[in-house]
Amino acid sequence: MNVGRMLRVARRRAGLSQRALAARTGTPQSSIARIEAGLTTPRVDTFERLLTATGHGLELESRLGQGVDRSQIRALLAMTPDERGRAATIAARNLSAFVKMARVRGRVQSD
């Protein structure tokens, strides 16, 4: 999503017209219109001020799928459905044995 679209969505969610957002922020309405149309890109501080006036903000978030080890996914997808089922059964048994052992040792409380 581009900056102009983000601002337009935030403004509309807040129920504000461009003119009302301009009045709240001291930014000319024509500047807001140019940003929303994608004709200009605001500085980060300007964009943040506009978003804040709509009740939104800028946050840094990881992109979905970034930092994911896809090798394990590929390995599972290379298996047949039967092989994946057997692997899941083995993993479930291992987890069950681990939980049982942890309870015996008093490290996991039972529900």
Protein backbone atom coordinates (compact mmCIF):
# COMPACT_ATOMS: atom_id res chain seq x y z
CA MET A 1 0.00 0.00 0.00
CA ASN A 2 1.40 3.39 -0.92
CA VAL A 3 1.53 6.48 1.30
CA GLY A 4 -1.34 8.26 -0.45
CA ARG A 5 -3.66 5.28 -0.14
CA MET A 6 -2.69 4.79 3.50
CA LEU A 7 -3.53 8.40 4.30
CA ARG A 8 -6.84 8.26 2.43
CA VAL A 9 -7.86 5.05 4.25
CA ALA A 10 -6.89 6.50 7.64
CA ARG A 11 -8.73 9.76 6.93
CA ARG A 12 -11.89 8.00 5.79
CA ARG A 13 -11.86 5.63 8.75
CA ALA A 14 -11.69 8.68 11.00
CA GLY A 15 -14.66 10.17 9.14
CA LEU A 16 -12.71 13.26 8.11
CA SER A 17 -12.78 15.23 4.89
CA GLN A 18 -9.53 16.51 3.45
CA ARG A 19 -10.57 19.97 4.56
CA ALA A 20 -11.19 18.80 8.16
CA LEU A 21 -7.83 17.00 8.27
CA ALA A 22 -6.16 20.12 6.93
CA ALA A 23 -7.76 22.22 9.69
CA ARG A 24 -6.63 19.77 12.38
CA THR A 25 -3.04 19.64 11.21
CA GLY A 26 -2.41 23.08 9.73
CA THR A 27 -1.54 21.43 6.42
CA PRO A 28 -3.07 22.92 3.27
CA GLN A 29 -5.94 20.84 1.89
CA SER A 30 -4.28 20.93 -1.53
CA SER A 31 -1.20 19.24 -0.06
CA ILE A 32 -3.33 16.47 1.41
CA ALA A 33 -5.04 16.04 -1.96
CA ARG A 34 -1.66 15.78 -3.74
CA ILE A 35 -0.41 13.20 -1.22
CA GLU A 36 -3.56 11.10 -1.57
CA ALA A 37 -3.37 11.30 -5.37
CA GLY A 38 0.21 10.05 -5.26
CA LEU A 39 1.57 13.23 -6.83
CA THR A 40 3.86 13.95 -3.89
CA THR A 41 5.39 12.01 -1.02
CA PRO A 42 5.38 13.71 2.37
CA ARG A 43 8.29 13.72 4.80
CA VAL A 44 7.98 11.10 7.50
CA ASP A 45 7.23 13.66 10.21
CA THR A 46 4.48 15.22 8.08
CA PHE A 47 2.97 11.83 7.31
CA GLU A 48 3.06 10.87 10.99
CA ARG A 49 1.39 14.17 11.98
CA LEU A 50 -1.39 13.57 9.43
CA LEU A 51 -1.92 9.98 10.59
CA THR A 52 -1.92 11.01 14.25
CA ALA A 53 -4.68 13.51 13.52
CA THR A 54 -6.77 10.61 12.17
CA GLY A 55 -6.18 8.51 15.28
CA HIS A 56 -3.60 6.29 13.55
CA GLY A 57 0.16 6.10 13.75
CA LEU A 58 3.29 4.74 12.16
CA GLU A 59 4.63 1.50 13.58
CA LEU A 60 7.49 -0.70 12.53
CA GLU A 61 6.33 -4.27 11.94
CA SER A 62 7.96 -7.29 10.46
CA ARG A 63 6.64 -8.28 7.08
CA LEU A 64 4.83 -11.58 7.02
CA GLY A 65 7.09 -14.35 5.88
CA GLN A 66 10.32 -12.47 6.54
CA GLY A 67 12.80 -14.46 8.60
CA VAL A 68 10.97 -17.74 8.05
CA ASP A 69 13.11 -20.82 7.43
CA ARG A 70 11.49 -22.09 4.27
CA SER A 71 13.73 -25.17 4.06
CA GLN A 72 11.55 -27.04 6.56
CA ILE A 73 8.41 -26.05 4.68
CA ARG A 74 9.92 -27.26 1.41
CA ALA A 75 10.97 -30.54 3.02
CA LEU A 76 7.44 -31.15 4.30
CA LEU A 77 5.90 -30.27 0.94
CA ALA A 78 8.26 -32.71 -0.78
CA MET A 79 6.75 -35.54 1.29
CA THR A 80 3.69 -37.46 0.20
CA PRO A 81 0.52 -36.98 2.26
CA ASP A 82 1.10 -40.38 3.89
CA GLU A 83 4.66 -39.43 4.84
CA ARG A 84 3.46 -36.14 6.33
CA GLY A 85 0.80 -38.00 8.30
CA ARG A 86 3.36 -40.46 9.70
CA ALA A 87 5.72 -37.59 10.58
CA ALA A 88 2.90 -35.76 12.38
CA THR A 89 2.00 -38.91 14.32
CA ILE A 90 5.61 -39.36 15.42
CA ALA A 91 5.85 -35.69 16.43
CA ALA A 92 2.62 -35.99 18.45
CA ARG A 93 3.92 -39.08 20.26
CA ASN A 94 7.20 -37.32 21.02
CA LEU A 95 5.38 -34.29 22.38
CA SER A 96 3.12 -36.47 24.50
CA ALA A 97 6.13 -38.33 25.93
CA PHE A 98 7.89 -35.04 26.66
CA VAL A 99 4.88 -33.60 28.48
CA LYS A 100 4.48 -36.81 30.49
CA MET A 101 8.16 -36.76 31.47
CA ALA A 102 7.98 -33.08 32.43
CA ARG A 103 4.94 -33.73 34.65
CA VAL A 104 6.73 -36.58 36.38
CA ARG A 105 9.62 -34.26 37.11
CA GLY A 106 7.21 -31.58 38.33
CA ARG A 107 8.04 -28.98 35.73
CA VAL A 108 4.67 -28.78 34.00
CA GLN A 109 1.43 -28.42 35.91
CA SER A 110 -1.49 -30.50 34.74
CA ASP A 111 -4.64 -28.69 33.62
